[in-house]
Each structure stands twice: as structure tokens, then as C-alpha cells.
PDB file of all heavy atoms in Angstrom:
ATOM      1  N   ARG A   1     128.485  80.641 112.480  1.00  0.00           N
ATOM      2  CA  ARG A   1     129.479  80.710 111.412  1.00  0.00           C
ATOM      3  C   ARG A   1     128.856  80.656 110.058  1.00  0.00           C
ATOM      4  O   ARG A   1     129.235  81.427 109.161  1.00  0.00           O
ATOM      5  CB  ARG A   1     130.375  79.488 111.541  1.00  0.00           C
ATOM      6  CG  ARG A   1     131.423  79.259 110.439  1.00  0.00           C
ATOM      7  CD  ARG A   1     132.296  80.522 110.226  1.00  0.00           C
ATOM      8  NE  ARG A   1     133.158  80.350 109.118  1.00  0.00           N
ATOM      9  CZ  ARG A   1     133.809  81.288 108.509  1.00  0.00           C
ATOM     10  NH1 ARG A   1     133.608  82.563 108.895  1.00  0.00           N
ATOM     11  NH2 ARG A   1     134.558  81.116 107.449  1.00  0.00           N
ATOM     12  N   ALA A   2     127.897  79.815 109.833  1.00  0.00           N
ATOM     13  CA  ALA A   2     127.321  79.725 108.428  1.00  0.00           C
ATOM     14  C   ALA A   2     125.948  79.090 108.486  1.00  0.00           C
ATOM     15  O   ALA A   2     125.645  78.275 109.360  1.00  0.00           O
ATOM     16  CB  ALA A   2     128.247  78.952 107.515  1.00  0.00           C
ATOM     17  N   VAL A   3     125.110  79.434 107.490  1.00  0.00           N
ATOM     18  CA  VAL A   3     123.820  78.820 107.315  1.00  0.00           C
ATOM     19  C   VAL A   3     123.800  78.344 105.877  1.00  0.00           C
ATOM     20  O   VAL A   3     124.058  79.147 104.903  1.00  0.00           O
ATOM     21  CB  VAL A   3     122.721  79.812 107.609  1.00  0.00           C
ATOM     22  CG1 VAL A   3     121.359  79.180 107.277  1.00  0.00           C
ATOM     23  CG2 VAL A   3     122.695  80.274 109.026  1.00  0.00           C
ATOM     24  N   GLU A   4     123.480  77.090 105.629  1.00  0.00           N
ATOM     25  CA  GLU A   4     123.460  76.558 104.301  1.00  0.00           C
ATOM     26  C   GLU A   4     121.999  76.543 103.786  1.00  0.00           C
ATOM     27  O   GLU A   4     121.108  76.042 104.456  1.00  0.00           O
ATOM     28  CB  GLU A   4     124.003  75.143 104.236  1.00  0.00           C
ATOM     29  CG  GLU A   4     124.114  74.539 102.850  1.00  0.00           C
ATOM     30  CD  GLU A   4     124.768  73.215 102.862  1.00  0.00           C
ATOM     31  OE1 GLU A   4     125.973  73.205 103.075  1.00  0.00           O
ATOM     32  OE2 GLU A   4     124.119  72.219 102.581  1.00  0.00           O
ATOM     33  N   LEU A   5     121.789  77.122 102.641  1.00  0.00           N
ATOM     34  CA  LEU A   5     120.486  77.218 102.003  1.00  0.00           C
ATOM     35  C   LEU A   5     120.547  76.582 100.637  1.00  0.00           C
ATOM     36  O   LEU A   5     121.393  76.953  99.819  1.00  0.00           O
ATOM     37  CB  LEU A   5     120.026  78.680 101.944  1.00  0.00           C
ATOM     38  CG  LEU A   5     120.075  79.474 103.214  1.00  0.00           C
ATOM     39  CD1 LEU A   5     119.727  80.920 102.967  1.00  0.00           C
ATOM     40  CD2 LEU A   5     119.054  78.889 104.223  1.00  0.00           C
ATOM     41  N   ARG A   6     119.589  75.701 100.289  1.00  0.00           N
ATOM     42  CA  ARG A   6     119.548  75.072  98.997  1.00  0.00           C
ATOM     43  C   ARG A   6     118.910  76.014  97.951  1.00  0.00           C
ATOM     44  O   ARG A   6     117.917  76.595  98.243  1.00  0.00           O
ATOM     45  CB  ARG A   6     118.838  73.765  99.071  1.00  0.00           C
ATOM     46  CG  ARG A   6     119.631  72.680  99.860  1.00  0.00           C
ATOM     47  CD  ARG A   6     118.987  71.304  99.675  1.00  0.00           C
ATOM     48  NE  ARG A   6     119.702  70.367 100.473  1.00  0.00           N
ATOM     49  CZ  ARG A   6     120.851  69.763 100.115  1.00  0.00           C
ATOM     50  NH1 ARG A   6     121.409  70.080  98.948  1.00  0.00           N
ATOM     51  NH2 ARG A   6     121.491  68.902 100.912  1.00  0.00           N
ATOM     52  N   VAL A   7     119.501  76.024  96.795  1.00  0.00           N
ATOM     53  CA  VAL A   7     118.913  76.723  95.709  1.00  0.00           C
ATOM     54  C   VAL A   7     118.956  75.795  94.464  1.00  0.00           C
ATOM     55  O   VAL A   7     119.653  74.804  94.464  1.00  0.00           O
ATOM     56  CB  VAL A   7     119.702  78.086  95.359  1.00  0.00           C
ATOM     57  CG1 VAL A   7     119.623  79.030  96.529  1.00  0.00           C
ATOM     58  CG2 VAL A   7     121.090  77.791  94.938  1.00  0.00           C
ATOM     59  N   GLY A   8     118.204  76.149  93.459  1.00  0.00           N
ATOM     60  CA  GLY A   8     118.142  75.277  92.308  1.00  0.00           C
ATOM     61  C   GLY A   8     119.249  75.439  91.318  1.00  0.00           C
ATOM     62  O   GLY A   8     119.581  74.497  90.570  1.00  0.00           O
ATOM     63  N   ASP A   9     119.890  76.649  91.296  1.00  0.00           N
ATOM     64  CA  ASP A   9     120.885  76.933  90.240  1.00  0.00           C
ATOM     65  C   ASP A   9     121.827  77.997  90.816  1.00  0.00           C
ATOM     66  O   ASP A   9     121.350  79.090  91.195  1.00  0.00           O
ATOM     67  CB  ASP A   9     120.178  77.444  88.964  1.00  0.00           C
ATOM     68  CG  ASP A   9     121.130  77.678  87.835  1.00  0.00           C
ATOM     69  OD1 ASP A   9     121.839  78.649  87.888  1.00  0.00           O
ATOM     70  OD2 ASP A   9     121.058  76.909  86.858  1.00  0.00           O
ATOM     71  N   VAL A  10     123.102  77.743  90.774  1.00  0.00           N
ATOM     72  CA  VAL A  10     124.075  78.719  91.312  1.00  0.00           C
ATOM     73  C   VAL A  10     124.011  80.013  90.561  1.00  0.00           C
ATOM     74  O   VAL A  10     123.999  81.116  91.096  1.00  0.00           O
ATOM     75  CB  VAL A  10     125.517  78.079  91.345  1.00  0.00           C
ATOM     76  CG1 VAL A  10     126.538  79.206  91.640  1.00  0.00           C
ATOM     77  CG2 VAL A  10     125.600  77.024  92.374  1.00  0.00           C
ATOM     78  N   ALA A  11     124.120  79.906  89.205  1.00  0.00           N
ATOM     79  CA  ALA A  11     124.138  81.121  88.410  1.00  0.00           C
ATOM     80  C   ALA A  11     122.896  81.953  88.606  1.00  0.00           C
ATOM     81  O   ALA A  11     122.949  83.203  88.737  1.00  0.00           O
ATOM     82  CB  ALA A  11     124.313  80.758  86.894  1.00  0.00           C
ATOM     83  N   ALA A  12     121.750  81.329  88.697  1.00  0.00           N
ATOM     84  CA  ALA A  12     120.450  82.030  88.930  1.00  0.00           C
ATOM     85  C   ALA A  12     120.504  82.648  90.285  1.00  0.00           C
ATOM     86  O   ALA A  12     120.064  83.777  90.448  1.00  0.00           O
ATOM     87  CB  ALA A  12     119.309  81.080  88.749  1.00  0.00           C
ATOM     88  N   ALA A  13     121.050  81.960  91.260  1.00  0.00           N
ATOM     89  CA  ALA A  13     121.151  82.494  92.610  1.00  0.00           C
ATOM     90  C   ALA A  13     122.046  83.723  92.600  1.00  0.00           C
ATOM     91  O   ALA A  13     121.735  84.696  93.254  1.00  0.00           O
ATOM     92  CB  ALA A  13     121.625  81.434  93.587  1.00  0.00           C
ATOM     93  N   GLU A  14     123.171  83.646  91.915  1.00  0.00           N
ATOM     94  CA  GLU A  14     124.033  84.798  91.829  1.00  0.00           C
ATOM     95  C   GLU A  14     123.376  86.045  91.315  1.00  0.00           C
ATOM     96  O   GLU A  14     123.447  87.135  91.878  1.00  0.00           O
ATOM     97  CB  GLU A  14     125.251  84.489  90.921  1.00  0.00           C
ATOM     98  CG  GLU A  14     126.227  83.517  91.530  1.00  0.00           C
ATOM     99  CD  GLU A  14     127.432  83.248  90.658  1.00  0.00           C
ATOM    100  OE1 GLU A  14     127.423  83.743  89.500  1.00  0.00           O
ATOM    101  OE2 GLU A  14     128.372  82.524  91.086  1.00  0.00           O
ATOM    102  N   ARG A  15     122.580  85.803  90.218  1.00  0.00           N
ATOM    103  CA  ARG A  15     121.897  86.940  89.544  1.00  0.00           C
ATOM    104  C   ARG A  15     120.831  87.485  90.492  1.00  0.00           C
ATOM    105  O   ARG A  15     120.686  88.702  90.642  1.00  0.00           O
ATOM    106  CB  ARG A  15     121.284  86.433  88.201  1.00  0.00           C
ATOM    107  CG  ARG A  15     122.277  86.198  87.130  1.00  0.00           C
ATOM    108  CD  ARG A  15     121.524  86.043  85.726  1.00  0.00           C
ATOM    109  NE  ARG A  15     120.555  84.959  85.762  1.00  0.00           N
ATOM    110  CZ  ARG A  15     120.860  83.691  85.435  1.00  0.00           C
ATOM    111  NH1 ARG A  15     122.123  83.410  85.149  1.00  0.00           N
ATOM    112  NH2 ARG A  15     119.928  82.755  85.495  1.00  0.00           N
ATOM    113  N   TRP A  16     120.126  86.572  91.179  1.00  0.00           N
ATOM    114  CA  TRP A  16     118.981  87.042  91.973  1.00  0.00           C
ATOM    115  C   TRP A  16     119.489  87.836  93.168  1.00  0.00           C
ATOM    116  O   TRP A  16     118.999  88.905  93.461  1.00  0.00           O
ATOM    117  CB  TRP A  16     118.157  85.825  92.513  1.00  0.00           C
ATOM    118  CG  TRP A  16     116.949  86.294  93.190  1.00  0.00           C
ATOM    119  CD1 TRP A  16     115.725  86.589  92.722  1.00  0.00           C
ATOM    120  CD2 TRP A  16     116.755  86.527  94.620  1.00  0.00           C
ATOM    121  NE1 TRP A  16     114.810  86.951  93.671  1.00  0.00           N
ATOM    122  CE2 TRP A  16     115.471  86.941  94.833  1.00  0.00           C
ATOM    123  CE3 TRP A  16     117.692  86.442  95.682  1.00  0.00           C
ATOM    124  CZ2 TRP A  16     115.009  87.264  96.175  1.00  0.00           C
ATOM    125  CZ3 TRP A  16     117.212  86.755  96.962  1.00  0.00           C
ATOM    126  CH2 TRP A  16     115.899  87.161  97.171  1.00  0.00           C
ATOM    127  N   TYR A  17     120.547  87.321  93.846  1.00  0.00           N
ATOM    128  CA  TYR A  17     121.015  88.049  95.019  1.00  0.00           C
ATOM    129  C   TYR A  17     121.717  89.375  94.662  1.00  0.00           C
ATOM    130  O   TYR A  17     121.590  90.386  95.323  1.00  0.00           O
ATOM    131  CB  TYR A  17     122.046  87.129  95.809  1.00  0.00           C
ATOM    132  CG  TYR A  17     121.333  86.197  96.695  1.00  0.00           C
ATOM    133  CD1 TYR A  17     121.023  84.869  96.295  1.00  0.00           C
ATOM    134  CD2 TYR A  17     120.917  86.563  98.007  1.00  0.00           C
ATOM    135  CE1 TYR A  17     120.343  84.003  97.190  1.00  0.00           C
ATOM    136  CE2 TYR A  17     120.283  85.698  98.871  1.00  0.00           C
ATOM    137  CZ  TYR A  17     120.027  84.439  98.431  1.00  0.00           C
ATOM    138  OH  TYR A  17     119.331  83.550  99.279  1.00  0.00           O
ATOM    139  N   ALA A  18     122.327  89.339  93.459  1.00  0.00           N
ATOM    140  CA  ALA A  18     122.983  90.603  92.964  1.00  0.00           C
ATOM    141  C   ALA A  18     121.903  91.631  92.641  1.00  0.00           C
ATOM    142  O   ALA A  18     122.070  92.830  93.040  1.00  0.00           O
ATOM    143  CB  ALA A  18     123.835  90.298  91.762  1.00  0.00           C
ATOM    144  N   GLU A  19     120.881  91.229  91.971  1.00  0.00           N
ATOM    145  CA  GLU A  19     119.826  92.150  91.567  1.00  0.00           C
ATOM    146  C   GLU A  19     118.989  92.632  92.746  1.00  0.00           C
ATOM    147  O   GLU A  19     118.648  93.824  92.868  1.00  0.00           O
ATOM    148  CB  GLU A  19     118.925  91.552  90.493  1.00  0.00           C
ATOM    149  CG  GLU A  19     119.669  91.343  89.162  1.00  0.00           C
ATOM    150  CD  GLU A  19     118.767  90.511  88.170  1.00  0.00           C
ATOM    151  OE1 GLU A  19     117.608  90.143  88.600  1.00  0.00           O
ATOM    152  OE2 GLU A  19     119.239  90.183  87.057  1.00  0.00           O
ATOM    153  N   THR A  20     118.654  91.739  93.642  1.00  0.00           N
ATOM    154  CA  THR A  20     117.826  92.023  94.783  1.00  0.00           C
ATOM    155  C   THR A  20     118.518  92.907  95.810  1.00  0.00           C
ATOM    156  O   THR A  20     117.952  93.853  96.328  1.00  0.00           O
ATOM    157  CB  THR A  20     117.317  90.748  95.492  1.00  0.00           C
ATOM    158  OG1 THR A  20     116.631  89.965  94.562  1.00  0.00           O
ATOM    159  CG2 THR A  20     116.397  91.056  96.673  1.00  0.00           C
ATOM    160  N   LEU A  21     119.808  92.547  96.069  1.00  0.00           N
ATOM    161  CA  LEU A  21     120.522  93.341  97.179  1.00  0.00           C
ATOM    162  C   LEU A  21     121.406  94.444  96.516  1.00  0.00           C
ATOM    163  O   LEU A  21     122.028  95.183  97.277  1.00  0.00           O
ATOM    164  CB  LEU A  21     121.439  92.336  97.940  1.00  0.00           C
ATOM    165  CG  LEU A  21     120.634  91.221  98.651  1.00  0.00           C
ATOM    166  CD1 LEU A  21     121.614  90.267  99.380  1.00  0.00           C
ATOM    167  CD2 LEU A  21     119.667  91.860  99.726  1.00  0.00           C
ATOM    168  N   GLY A  22     121.533  94.485  95.204  1.00  0.00           N
ATOM    169  CA  GLY A  22     122.398  95.449  94.589  1.00  0.00           C
ATOM    170  C   GLY A  22     123.867  95.316  94.895  1.00  0.00           C
ATOM    171  O   GLY A  22     124.574  96.288  95.128  1.00  0.00           O
ATOM    172  N   VAL A  23     124.326  94.072  94.966  1.00  0.00           N
ATOM    173  CA  VAL A  23     125.725  93.796  95.302  1.00  0.00           C
ATOM    174  C   VAL A  23     126.416  93.125  94.103  1.00  0.00           C
ATOM    175  O   VAL A  23     125.780  92.714  93.184  1.00  0.00           O
ATOM    176  CB  VAL A  23     125.809  92.852  96.518  1.00  0.00           C
ATOM    177  CG1 VAL A  23     125.235  93.525  97.733  1.00  0.00           C
ATOM    178  CG2 VAL A  23     125.025  91.585  96.285  1.00  0.00           C
ATOM    179  N   SER A  24     127.750  93.106  94.207  1.00  0.00           N
ATOM    180  CA  SER A  24     128.475  92.489  93.106  1.00  0.00           C
ATOM    181  C   SER A  24     128.851  91.059  93.434  1.00  0.00           C
ATOM    182  O   SER A  24     128.895  90.618  94.618  1.00  0.00           O
ATOM    183  CB  SER A  24     129.843  93.262  92.893  1.00  0.00           C
ATOM    184  OG  SER A  24     130.569  93.224  94.097  1.00  0.00           O
ATOM    185  N   VAL A  25     129.153  90.239  92.431  1.00  0.00           N
ATOM    186  CA  VAL A  25     129.499  88.813  92.571  1.00  0.00           C
ATOM    187  C   VAL A  25     130.847  88.621  91.837  1.00  0.00           C
ATOM    188  O   VAL A  25     130.938  89.024  90.623  1.00  0.00           O
ATOM    189  CB  VAL A  25     128.416  87.892  91.998  1.00  0.00           C
ATOM    190  CG1 VAL A  25     128.841  86.429  92.190  1.00  0.00           C
ATOM    191  CG2 VAL A  25     127.108  88.184  92.619  1.00  0.00           C
ATOM    192  N   GLN A  26     131.740  88.007  92.474  1.00  0.00           N
ATOM    193  CA  GLN A  26     133.031  87.724  91.885  1.00  0.00           C
ATOM    194  C   GLN A  26     133.549  86.387  92.352  1.00  0.00           C
ATOM    195  O   GLN A  26     133.641  86.145  93.580  1.00  0.00           O
ATOM    196  CB  GLN A  26     134.094  88.835  92.250  1.00  0.00           C
ATOM    197  CG  GLN A  26     135.421  88.604  91.549  1.00  0.00           C
ATOM    198  CD  GLN A  26     136.387  89.741  91.730  1.00  0.00           C
ATOM    199  OE1 GLN A  26     136.081  90.708  92.483  1.00  0.00           O
ATOM    200  NE2 GLN A  26     137.542  89.741  91.147  1.00  0.00           N
ATOM    201  N   ASP A  27     133.843  85.541  91.436  1.00  0.00           N
ATOM    202  CA  ASP A  27     134.327  84.148  91.765  1.00  0.00           C
ATOM    203  C   ASP A  27     133.382  83.410  92.735  1.00  0.00           C
ATOM    204  O   ASP A  27     133.803  82.725  93.696  1.00  0.00           O
ATOM    205  CB  ASP A  27     135.744  84.244  92.384  1.00  0.00           C
ATOM    206  CG  ASP A  27     136.763  84.838  91.372  1.00  0.00           C
ATOM    207  OD1 ASP A  27     136.615  84.552  90.141  1.00  0.00           O
ATOM    208  OD2 ASP A  27     137.682  85.471  91.781  1.00  0.00           O
ATOM    209  N   GLY A  28     132.086  83.611  92.500  1.00  0.00           N
ATOM    210  CA  GLY A  28     131.111  82.913  93.280  1.00  0.00           C
ATOM    211  C   GLY A  28     130.923  83.455  94.707  1.00  0.00           C
ATOM    212  O   GLY A  28     130.202  82.850  95.527  1.00  0.00           O
ATOM    213  N   VAL A  29     131.460  84.626  95.021  1.00  0.00           N
ATOM    214  CA  VAL A  29     131.288  85.215  96.334  1.00  0.00           C
ATOM    215  C   VAL A  29     130.487  86.561  96.174  1.00  0.00           C
ATOM    216  O   VAL A  29     130.838  87.406  95.435  1.00  0.00           O
ATOM    217  CB  VAL A  29     132.649  85.518  97.001  1.00  0.00           C
ATOM    218  CG1 VAL A  29     132.404  86.312  98.289  1.00  0.00           C
ATOM    219  CG2 VAL A  29     133.385  84.234  97.290  1.00  0.00           C
ATOM    220  N   VAL A  30     129.378  86.568  96.945  1.00  0.00           N
ATOM    221  CA  VAL A  30     128.529  87.740  96.924  1.00  0.00           C
ATOM    222  C   VAL A  30     128.913  88.602  98.152  1.00  0.00           C
ATOM    223  O   VAL A  30     128.774  88.136  99.265  1.00  0.00           O
ATOM    224  CB  VAL A  30     127.020  87.402  97.022  1.00  0.00           C
ATOM    225  CG1 VAL A  30     126.134  88.650  96.919  1.00  0.00           C
ATOM    226  CG2 VAL A  30     126.701  86.462  95.846  1.00  0.00           C
ATOM    227  N   THR A  31     129.345  89.846  97.958  1.00  0.00           N
ATOM    228  CA  THR A  31     129.730  90.752  99.019  1.00  0.00           C
ATOM    229  C   THR A  31     128.545  91.539  99.465  1.00  0.00           C
ATOM    230  O   THR A  31     127.886  92.231  98.622  1.00  0.00           O
ATOM    231  CB  THR A  31     130.868  91.645  98.665  1.00  0.00           C
ATOM    232  OG1 THR A  31     131.985  90.831  98.244  1.00  0.00           O
ATOM    233  CG2 THR A  31     131.291  92.539  99.828  1.00  0.00           C
ATOM    234  N   LEU A  32     128.182  91.519 100.768  1.00  0.00           N
ATOM    235  CA  LEU A  32     127.026  92.223 101.277  1.00  0.00           C
ATOM    236  C   LEU A  32     127.418  93.401 102.182  1.00  0.00           C
ATOM    237  O   LEU A  32     126.622  93.834 102.988  1.00  0.00           O
ATOM    238  CB  LEU A  32     126.121  91.232 102.092  1.00  0.00           C
ATOM    239  CG  LEU A  32     125.692  89.975 101.351  1.00  0.00           C
ATOM    240  CD1 LEU A  32     124.856  89.120 102.311  1.00  0.00           C
ATOM    241  CD2 LEU A  32     124.818  90.373 100.174  1.00  0.00           C
ATOM    242  N   GLY A  33     128.591  93.880 102.013  1.00  0.00           N
ATOM    243  CA  GLY A  33     128.998  94.993 102.809  1.00  0.00           C
ATOM    244  C   GLY A  33     129.136  94.550 104.303  1.00  0.00           C
ATOM    245  O   GLY A  33     129.746  93.532 104.625  1.00  0.00           O
ATOM    246  N   ARG A  34     128.553  95.359 105.217  1.00  0.00           N
ATOM    247  CA  ARG A  34     128.680  95.038 106.597  1.00  0.00           C
ATOM    248  C   ARG A  34     127.993  93.742 106.988  1.00  0.00           C
ATOM    249  O   ARG A  34     128.192  93.222 108.044  1.00  0.00           O
ATOM    250  CB  ARG A  34     128.131  96.184 107.458  1.00  0.00           C
ATOM    251  CG  ARG A  34     128.999  97.425 107.434  1.00  0.00           C
ATOM    252  CD  ARG A  34     128.496  98.503 108.443  1.00  0.00           C
ATOM    253  NE  ARG A  34     127.089  98.815 108.224  1.00  0.00           N
ATOM    254  CZ  ARG A  34     126.184  98.959 109.193  1.00  0.00           C
ATOM    255  NH1 ARG A  34     126.567  98.738 110.398  1.00  0.00           N
ATOM    256  NH2 ARG A  34     124.991  99.339 108.921  1.00  0.00           N
ATOM    257  N   ALA A  35     127.052  93.347 106.122  1.00  0.00           N
ATOM    258  CA  ALA A  35     126.288  92.108 106.434  1.00  0.00           C
ATOM    259  C   ALA A  35     127.071  90.828 106.251  1.00  0.00           C
ATOM    260  O   ALA A  35     126.629  89.710 106.583  1.00  0.00           O
ATOM    261  CB  ALA A  35     125.023  92.040 105.611  1.00  0.00           C
ATOM    262  N   GLY A  36     128.303  90.937 105.667  1.00  0.00           N
ATOM    263  CA  GLY A  36     129.148  89.779 105.414  1.00  0.00           C
ATOM    264  C   GLY A  36     129.106  89.275 104.024  1.00  0.00           C
ATOM    265  O   GLY A  36     129.080  90.082 103.082  1.00  0.00           O
ATOM    266  N   GLN A  37     129.160  87.948 103.780  1.00  0.00           N
ATOM    267  CA  GLN A  37     129.314  87.422 102.477  1.00  0.00           C
ATOM    268  C   GLN A  37     128.373  86.208 102.310  1.00  0.00           C
ATOM    269  O   GLN A  37     128.108  85.470 103.197  1.00  0.00           O
ATOM    270  CB  GLN A  37     130.714  86.979 102.199  1.00  0.00           C
ATOM    271  CG  GLN A  37     131.708  88.085 102.087  1.00  0.00           C
ATOM    272  CD  GLN A  37     133.117  87.620 101.749  1.00  0.00           C
ATOM    273  OE1 GLN A  37     133.460  86.465 102.029  1.00  0.00           O
ATOM    274  NE2 GLN A  37     133.895  88.507 101.176  1.00  0.00           N
TER     275      GLN A  37
END
């Protein structure tokens, strides 16, 4: 169902995942296409 991973900063994590995976972030949710969220 879910895997919890600790990060140091939510905003920084949003930026990193968005830039690395080329995905959009809205309301704290990163959409990964077929890979889920």
C-alpha cells in the first residue's frame, strides 16, 4: 500500500522529485503517471 521515506524538507522534496522525474506537484501530491503517486 505505501512506503514511508523520511526527507529533510517537504518543499525541497517536491522540487527534487518534480525536477528528477519531470512530474507535476499539486497540493502536495506528486503524480508519477502509471507508477502511481
